[in-house]
PDB file of N, CA and C in Angstrom:
ATOM      1  N   MET A   1       0.665  -1.179   0.378  1.00  0.00           N
ATOM      2  CA  MET A   1       0.029  -0.050  -0.001  1.00  0.00           C
ATOM      3  C   MET A   1       0.789   1.401  -0.177  1.00  0.00           C
ATOM      4  N   GLY A   2       2.085   1.214   0.283  1.00  0.00           N
ATOM      5  CA  GLY A   2       2.993   2.481   0.678  1.00  0.00           C
ATOM      6  C   GLY A   2       3.292   2.801  -0.731  1.00  0.00           C
ATOM      7  N   LEU A   3       3.376   2.113  -1.906  1.00  0.00           N
ATOM      8  CA  LEU A   3       3.791   2.472  -3.427  1.00  0.00           C
ATOM      9  C   LEU A   3       2.780   3.429  -3.602  1.00  0.00           C
ATOM     10  N   PHE A   4       1.691   2.618  -3.377  1.00  0.00           N
ATOM     11  CA  PHE A   4       0.154   3.831  -4.102  1.00  0.00           C
ATOM     12  C   PHE A   4      -0.056   4.893  -3.332  1.00  0.00           C
ATOM     13  N   SER A   5       0.284   5.033  -1.813  1.00  0.00           N
ATOM     14  CA  SER A   5       0.479   6.092  -1.382  1.00  0.00           C
ATOM     15  C   SER A   5       1.394   7.223  -1.640  1.00  0.00           C
ATOM     16  N   ASP A   6       2.445   6.530  -1.710  1.00  0.00           N
ATOM     17  CA  ASP A   6       3.809   7.539  -2.208  1.00  0.00           C
ATOM     18  C   ASP A   6       3.498   8.183  -3.764  1.00  0.00           C
ATOM     19  N   LEU A   7       3.080   7.256  -4.587  1.00  0.00           N
ATOM     20  CA  LEU A   7       2.472   7.711  -6.023  1.00  0.00           C
ATOM     21  C   LEU A   7       1.322   8.674  -6.177  1.00  0.00           C
ATOM     22  N   ASP A   8       0.278   8.566  -5.082  1.00  0.00           N
ATOM     23  CA  ASP A   8      -0.738   9.513  -5.101  1.00  0.00           C
ATOM     24  C   ASP A   8      -0.211  10.946  -4.468  1.00  0.00           C
ATOM     25  N   LYS A   9       0.643  10.767  -3.318  1.00  0.00           N
ATOM     26  CA  LYS A   9       1.358  11.959  -3.199  1.00  0.00           C
ATOM     27  C   LYS A   9       2.190  12.713  -4.054  1.00  0.00           C
ATOM     28  N   LYS A  10       2.967  12.013  -4.880  1.00  0.00           N
ATOM     29  CA  LYS A  10       3.576  12.676  -6.171  1.00  0.00           C
ATOM     30  C   LYS A  10       2.731  13.274  -7.138  1.00  0.00           C
ATOM     31  N   LEU A  11       1.719  12.556  -7.448  1.00  0.00           N
ATOM     32  CA  LEU A  11       0.805  13.047  -8.512  1.00  0.00           C
ATOM     33  C   LEU A  11       0.197  14.518  -7.925  1.00  0.00           C
ATOM     34  N   ALA A  12      -0.519  14.287  -6.695  1.00  0.00           N
ATOM     35  CA  ALA A  12      -1.028  15.430  -5.830  1.00  0.00           C
ATOM     36  C   ALA A  12       0.274  17.020  -5.978  1.00  0.00           C
ATOM     37  N   ASP A  13       1.252  16.360  -5.656  1.00  0.00           N
ATOM     38  CA  ASP A  13       2.378  17.502  -5.860  1.00  0.00           C
ATOM     39  C   ASP A  13       2.264  18.063  -7.108  1.00  0.00           C
ATOM     40  N   ASN A  14       2.327  17.175  -8.156  1.00  0.00           N
ATOM     41  CA  ASN A  14       2.818  17.643  -9.404  1.00  0.00           C
ATOM     42  C   ASN A  14       1.200  18.620  -9.884  1.00  0.00           C
ATOM     43  N   VAL A  15       0.077  18.098  -9.601  1.00  0.00           N
ATOM     44  CA  VAL A  15      -0.679  18.663 -10.042  1.00  0.00           C
ATOM     45  C   VAL A  15      -0.993  20.053  -9.264  1.00  0.00           C
ATOM     46  N   TYR A  16      -0.635  20.383  -7.979  1.00  0.00           N
ATOM     47  CA  TYR A  16      -0.753  21.385  -7.492  1.00  0.00           C
ATOM     48  C   TYR A  16       0.250  22.412  -7.880  1.00  0.00           C
ATOM     49  N   ALA A  17       1.959  21.960  -8.516  1.00  0.00           N
ATOM     50  CA  ALA A  17       2.548  22.673  -8.734  1.00  0.00           C
ATOM     51  C   ALA A  17       2.295  23.158 -10.203  1.00  0.00           C
ATOM     52  N   HIS A  18       1.867  22.260 -11.302  1.00  0.00           N
ATOM     53  CA  HIS A  18       1.627  22.324 -12.298  1.00  0.00           C
ATOM     54  C   HIS A  18       0.196  22.610 -13.075  1.00  0.00           C
ATOM     55  N   GLY A  19      -0.778  22.843 -12.329  1.00  0.00           N
ATOM     56  CA  GLY A  19      -2.426  22.812 -12.494  1.00  0.00           C
ATOM     57  C   GLY A  19      -2.604  23.976 -13.202  1.00  0.00           C
ATOM     58  N   SER A  20      -2.352  24.961 -12.880  1.00  0.00           N
ATOM     59  CA  SER A  20      -2.484  26.080 -13.335  1.00  0.00           C
ATOM     60  C   SER A  20      -2.186  26.300 -14.977  1.00  0.00           C
ATOM     61  N   GLU A  21      -0.942  25.321 -15.463  1.00  0.00           N
ATOM     62  CA  GLU A  21      -1.004  25.753 -16.865  1.00  0.00           C
ATOM     63  C   GLU A  21      -2.083  24.741 -17.723  1.00  0.00           C
ATOM     64  N   LEU A  22      -2.823  23.916 -16.643  1.00  0.00           N
ATOM     65  CA  LEU A  22      -4.129  23.319 -17.545  1.00  0.00           C
ATOM     66  C   LEU A  22      -5.439  24.025 -17.403  1.00  0.00           C
ATOM     67  N   THR A  23      -5.392  24.851 -16.680  1.00  0.00           N
ATOM     68  CA  THR A  23      -6.700  25.743 -16.189  1.00  0.00           C
ATOM     69  C   THR A  23      -6.491  27.203 -16.396  1.00  0.00           C
ATOM     70  N   ASP A  24      -5.355  27.569 -16.436  1.00  0.00           N
ATOM     71  CA  ASP A  24      -5.275  29.015 -16.962  1.00  0.00           C
ATOM     72  C   ASP A  24      -4.598  29.319 -18.314  1.00  0.00           C
ATOM     73  N   ALA A  25      -5.573  30.360 -19.220  1.00  0.00           N
ATOM     74  CA  ALA A  25      -5.275  30.204 -20.387  1.00  0.00           C
ATOM     75  C   ALA A  25      -4.228  31.181 -20.321  1.00  0.00           C
ATOM     76  N   SER A  26      -3.605  32.260 -19.714  1.00  0.00           N
ATOM     77  CA  SER A  26      -2.521  32.886 -19.893  1.00  0.00           C
ATOM     78  C   SER A  26      -1.175  32.163 -18.952  1.00  0.00           C
ATOM     79  N   ALA A  27      -1.165  30.980 -18.676  1.00  0.00           N
ATOM     80  CA  ALA A  27       0.156  30.609 -18.393  1.00  0.00           C
ATOM     81  C   ALA A  27       1.297  30.466 -19.091  1.00  0.00           C
ATOM     82  N   ASP A  28       0.878  30.192 -20.650  1.00  0.00           N
ATOM     83  CA  ASP A  28       2.087  30.102 -21.435  1.00  0.00           C
ATOM     84  C   ASP A  28       2.104  31.435 -22.186  1.00  0.00           C
ATOM     85  N   LEU A  29       1.524  32.449 -21.933  1.00  0.00           N
ATOM     86  CA  LEU A  29       1.270  33.791 -22.553  1.00  0.00           C
ATOM     87  C   LEU A  29       2.508  34.544 -22.071  1.00  0.00           C
ATOM     88  N   PRO A  30       3.431  35.329 -22.966  1.00  0.00           N
ATOM     89  CA  PRO A  30       4.461  36.060 -22.555  1.00  0.00           C
ATOM     90  C   PRO A  30       3.767  37.226 -21.232  1.00  0.00           C
ATOM     91  N   GLN A  31       4.708  37.667 -20.373  1.00  0.00           N
ATOM     92  CA  GLN A  31       4.080  38.707 -19.234  1.00  0.00           C
ATOM     93  C   GLN A  31       3.858  39.696 -20.059  1.00  0.00           C
ATOM     94  N   LYS A  32       4.603  40.290 -21.038  1.00  0.00           N
ATOM     95  CA  LYS A  32       4.009  41.622 -21.613  1.00  0.00           C
ATOM     96  C   LYS A  32       2.575  41.309 -21.821  1.00  0.00           C
ATOM     97  N   VAL A  33       2.222  40.425 -22.706  1.00  0.00           N
ATOM     98  CA  VAL A  33       0.615  40.407 -22.857  1.00  0.00           C
ATOM     99  C   VAL A  33      -0.196  40.547 -21.720  1.00  0.00           C
ATOM    100  N   ARG A  34       0.189  39.755 -20.805  1.00  0.00           N
ATOM    101  CA  ARG A  34      -0.709  39.813 -19.398  1.00  0.00           C
ATOM    102  C   ARG A  34      -0.684  41.197 -18.700  1.00  0.00           C
ATOM    103  N   ASP A  35       0.459  41.887 -19.019  1.00  0.00           N
ATOM    104  CA  ASP A  35       0.899  43.120 -18.471  1.00  0.00           C
ATOM    105  C   ASP A  35      -0.205  44.360 -19.179  1.00  0.00           C
ATOM    106  N   THR A  36      -0.358  44.014 -20.653  1.00  0.00           N
ATOM    107  CA  THR A  36      -0.918  44.916 -21.378  1.00  0.00           C
ATOM    108  C   THR A  36      -2.830  44.611 -21.123  1.00  0.00           C
ATOM    109  N   VAL A  37      -2.998  43.608 -21.298  1.00  0.00           N
ATOM    110  CA  VAL A  37      -4.298  43.023 -20.767  1.00  0.00           C
ATOM    111  C   VAL A  37      -4.739  43.684 -19.398  1.00  0.00           C
ATOM    112  N   ASP A  38      -3.681  43.821 -18.295  1.00  0.00           N
ATOM    113  CA  ASP A  38      -4.037  44.152 -17.120  1.00  0.00           C
ATOM    114  C   ASP A  38      -4.262  45.807 -17.093  1.00  0.00           C
ATOM    115  N   LEU A  39      -3.528  46.526 -18.006  1.00  0.00           N
ATOM    116  CA  LEU A  39      -3.641  48.093 -18.182  1.00  0.00           C
ATOM    117  C   LEU A  39      -5.296  48.365 -18.651  1.00  0.00           C
ATOM    118  N   LEU A  40      -5.922  47.264 -19.298  1.00  0.00           N
ATOM    119  CA  LEU A  40      -7.129  47.654 -19.814  1.00  0.00           C
ATOM    120  C   LEU A  40      -8.526  47.635 -18.394  1.00  0.00           C
ATOM    121  N   MET A  41      -7.931  47.048 -17.586  1.00  0.00           N
ATOM    122  CA  MET A  41      -9.031  46.646 -16.278  1.00  0.00           C
ATOM    123  C   MET A  41      -9.411  47.797 -15.501  1.00  0.00           C
ATOM    124  N   PRO A  42      -8.804  49.039 -15.520  1.00  0.00           N
ATOM    125  CA  PRO A  42      -9.448  50.163 -14.970  1.00  0.00           C
ATOM    126  C   PRO A  42     -10.519  50.399 -15.858  1.00  0.00           C
ATOM    127  N   LEU A  43     -10.603  50.307 -16.983  1.00  0.00           N
ATOM    128  CA  LEU A  43     -12.016  50.592 -17.803  1.00  0.00           C
ATOM    129  C   LEU A  43     -12.919  49.575 -17.493  1.00  0.00           C
ATOM    130  N   ILE A  44     -13.189  48.648 -17.046  1.00  0.00           N
ATOM    131  CA  ILE A  44     -13.945  47.325 -16.709  1.00  0.00           C
ATOM    132  C   ILE A  44     -14.689  47.545 -15.313  1.00  0.00           C
ATOM    133  N   ARG A  45     -15.962  47.424 -14.999  1.00  0.00           N
ATOM    134  CA  ARG A  45     -16.507  47.480 -13.515  1.00  0.00           C
ATOM    135  C   ARG A  45     -15.621  46.458 -12.714  1.00  0.00           C
ATOM    136  N   PRO A  46     -15.204  47.090 -11.532  1.00  0.00           N
ATOM    137  CA  PRO A  46     -14.554  45.931 -10.771  1.00  0.00           C
ATOM    138  C   PRO A  46     -15.320  44.417 -10.701  1.00  0.00           C
ATOM    139  N   GLU A  47     -16.391  44.377 -10.527  1.00  0.00           N
ATOM    140  CA  GLU A  47     -16.829  43.087 -10.445  1.00  0.00           C
ATOM    141  C   GLU A  47     -16.775  41.943 -11.362  1.00  0.00           C
ATOM    142  N   ALA A  48     -16.340  42.829 -12.659  1.00  0.00           N
ATOM    143  CA  ALA A  48     -16.337  41.758 -13.857  1.00  0.00           C
ATOM    144  C   ALA A  48     -14.769  41.587 -14.384  1.00  0.00           C
ATOM    145  N   ARG A  49     -13.765  42.392 -13.648  1.00  0.00           N
ATOM    146  CA  ARG A  49     -12.444  42.405 -14.063  1.00  0.00           C
ATOM    147  C   ARG A  49     -12.027  41.039 -14.415  1.00  0.00           C
ATOM    148  N   GLU A  50     -11.987  40.057 -13.109  1.00  0.00           N
ATOM    149  CA  GLU A  50     -11.747  38.940 -13.422  1.00  0.00           C
ATOM    150  C   GLU A  50     -12.186  37.980 -14.610  1.00  0.00           C
ATOM    151  N   ALA A  51     -13.292  38.159 -14.938  1.00  0.00           N
ATOM    152  CA  ALA A  51     -13.960  37.106 -15.915  1.00  0.00           C
ATOM    153  C   ALA A  51     -13.607  38.161 -17.228  1.00  0.00           C
ATOM    154  N   VAL A  52     -13.482  39.104 -17.296  1.00  0.00           N
ATOM    155  CA  VAL A  52     -13.093  39.907 -18.578  1.00  0.00           C
ATOM    156  C   VAL A  52     -11.602  39.859 -18.922  1.00  0.00           C
ATOM    157  N   ARG A  53     -10.756  39.845 -17.944  1.00  0.00           N
ATOM    158  CA  ARG A  53      -9.425  39.393 -18.065  1.00  0.00           C
ATOM    159  C   ARG A  53      -9.235  37.696 -18.502  1.00  0.00           C
ATOM    160  N   SER A  54      -9.925  37.029 -17.745  1.00  0.00           N
ATOM    161  CA  SER A  54      -9.784  35.722 -18.278  1.00  0.00           C
ATOM    162  C   SER A  54     -10.369  35.443 -19.816  1.00  0.00           C
ATOM    163  N   GLU A  55     -11.365  36.031 -20.217  1.00  0.00           N
ATOM    164  CA  GLU A  55     -11.862  35.939 -21.854  1.00  0.00           C
ATOM    165  C   GLU A  55     -10.876  36.677 -22.435  1.00  0.00           C
ATOM    166  N   ILE A  56     -10.593  37.594 -22.424  1.00  0.00           N
ATOM    167  CA  ILE A  56      -9.397  38.215 -22.990  1.00  0.00           C
ATOM    168  C   ILE A  56      -8.247  37.481 -23.382  1.00  0.00           C
ATOM    169  N   LEU A  57      -7.675  36.805 -22.213  1.00  0.00           N
ATOM    170  CA  LEU A  57      -6.509  36.083 -21.990  1.00  0.00           C
ATOM    171  C   LEU A  57      -6.977  34.728 -23.090  1.00  0.00           C
ATOM    172  N   GLY A  58      -7.699  34.236 -22.728  1.00  0.00           N
ATOM    173  CA  GLY A  58      -8.277  33.136 -23.513  1.00  0.00           C
ATOM    174  C   GLY A  58      -8.413  33.239 -24.784  1.00  0.00           C
ATOM    175  N   ILE A  59      -8.890  34.373 -25.311  1.00  0.00           N
ATOM    176  CA  ILE A  59      -8.939  34.865 -26.938  1.00  0.00           C
ATOM    177  C   ILE A  59      -7.608  34.886 -27.371  1.00  0.00           C
ATOM    178  N   ILE A  60      -6.997  35.559 -26.875  1.00  0.00           N
ATOM    179  CA  ILE A  60      -5.653  35.665 -27.343  1.00  0.00           C
ATOM    180  C   ILE A  60      -4.726  34.685 -27.130  1.00  0.00           C
ATOM    181  N   HIS A  61      -4.807  33.523 -26.336  1.00  0.00           N
ATOM    182  CA  HIS A  61      -4.305  32.243 -26.652  1.00  0.00           C
ATOM    183  C   HIS A  61      -4.974  31.427 -27.568  1.00  0.00           C
ATOM    184  N   GLU A  62      -6.024  31.353 -27.539  1.00  0.00           N
ATOM    185  CA  GLU A  62      -6.814  30.888 -28.720  1.00  0.00           C
ATOM    186  C   GLU A  62      -6.221  31.339 -30.301  1.00  0.00           C
ATOM    187  N   HIS A  63      -6.058  32.534 -30.261  1.00  0.00           N
ATOM    188  CA  HIS A  63      -5.678  32.999 -31.798  1.00  0.00           C
ATOM    189  C   HIS A  63      -4.267  33.188 -31.996  1.00  0.00           C
ATOM    190  N   LEU A  64      -3.492  32.988 -30.956  1.00  0.00           N
ATOM    191  CA  LEU A  64      -2.106  33.375 -30.778  1.00  0.00           C
ATOM    192  C   LEU A  64      -1.317  32.842 -32.081  1.00  0.00           C
ATOM    193  N   TYR A  65      -0.317  33.347 -32.902  1.00  0.00           N
ATOM    194  CA  TYR A  65       0.429  33.046 -33.825  1.00  0.00           C
ATOM    195  C   TYR A  65       1.347  32.144 -33.311  1.00  0.00           C
ATOM    196  N   ASP A  66       1.466  30.709 -33.613  1.00  0.00           N
ATOM    197  CA  ASP A  66       2.643  29.979 -33.406  1.00  0.00           C
ATOM    198  C   ASP A  66       3.689  30.122 -34.002  1.00  0.00           C
ATOM    199  N   ASP A  67       4.847  30.225 -33.573  1.00  0.00           N
ATOM    200  CA  ASP A  67       6.303  30.845 -34.225  1.00  0.00           C
ATOM    201  C   ASP A  67       6.545  29.390 -35.148  1.00  0.00           C
ATOM    202  N   ASN A  68       6.500  28.201 -34.414  1.00  0.00           N
ATOM    203  CA  ASN A  68       6.909  26.879 -34.843  1.00  0.00           C
ATOM    204  C   ASN A  68       6.259  26.411 -36.014  1.00  0.00           C
ATOM    205  N   ALA A  69       4.850  26.902 -35.940  1.00  0.00           N
ATOM    206  CA  ALA A  69       3.874  26.403 -37.005  1.00  0.00           C
ATOM    207  C   ALA A  69       4.240  27.837 -38.586  1.00  0.00           C
ATOM    208  N   LEU A  70       4.769  28.845 -38.278  1.00  0.00           N
ATOM    209  CA  LEU A  70       5.011  29.660 -39.135  1.00  0.00           C
ATOM    210  C   LEU A  70       6.427  29.443 -39.834  1.00  0.00           C
ATOM    211  N   LYS A  71       7.194  28.735 -39.339  1.00  0.00           N
ATOM    212  CA  LYS A  71       8.633  28.599 -39.472  1.00  0.00           C
ATOM    213  C   LYS A  71       8.534  27.403 -40.714  1.00  0.00           C
ATOM    214  N   ALA A  72       7.409  26.530 -40.465  1.00  0.00           N
ATOM    215  CA  ALA A  72       7.364  25.253 -41.208  1.00  0.00           C
ATOM    216  C   ALA A  72       6.839  25.306 -42.852  1.00  0.00           C
TER     217      ALA A  72
END
């Protein structure tokens, strides 16, 4: 049983360490992009800022040019 317990702990630690990369659209975007989107937030109502920020970053992530694809 110790093997499964150790494996479960390692998997849980990995999910906590890297889980945001699976759920956060901006996780792999350059910091400059996130900073630019943050500059827009004063124009958005405070209660909607997180949702709008997430949507904008998701759209950018979805439609961002992939440099590797352009080189092929």
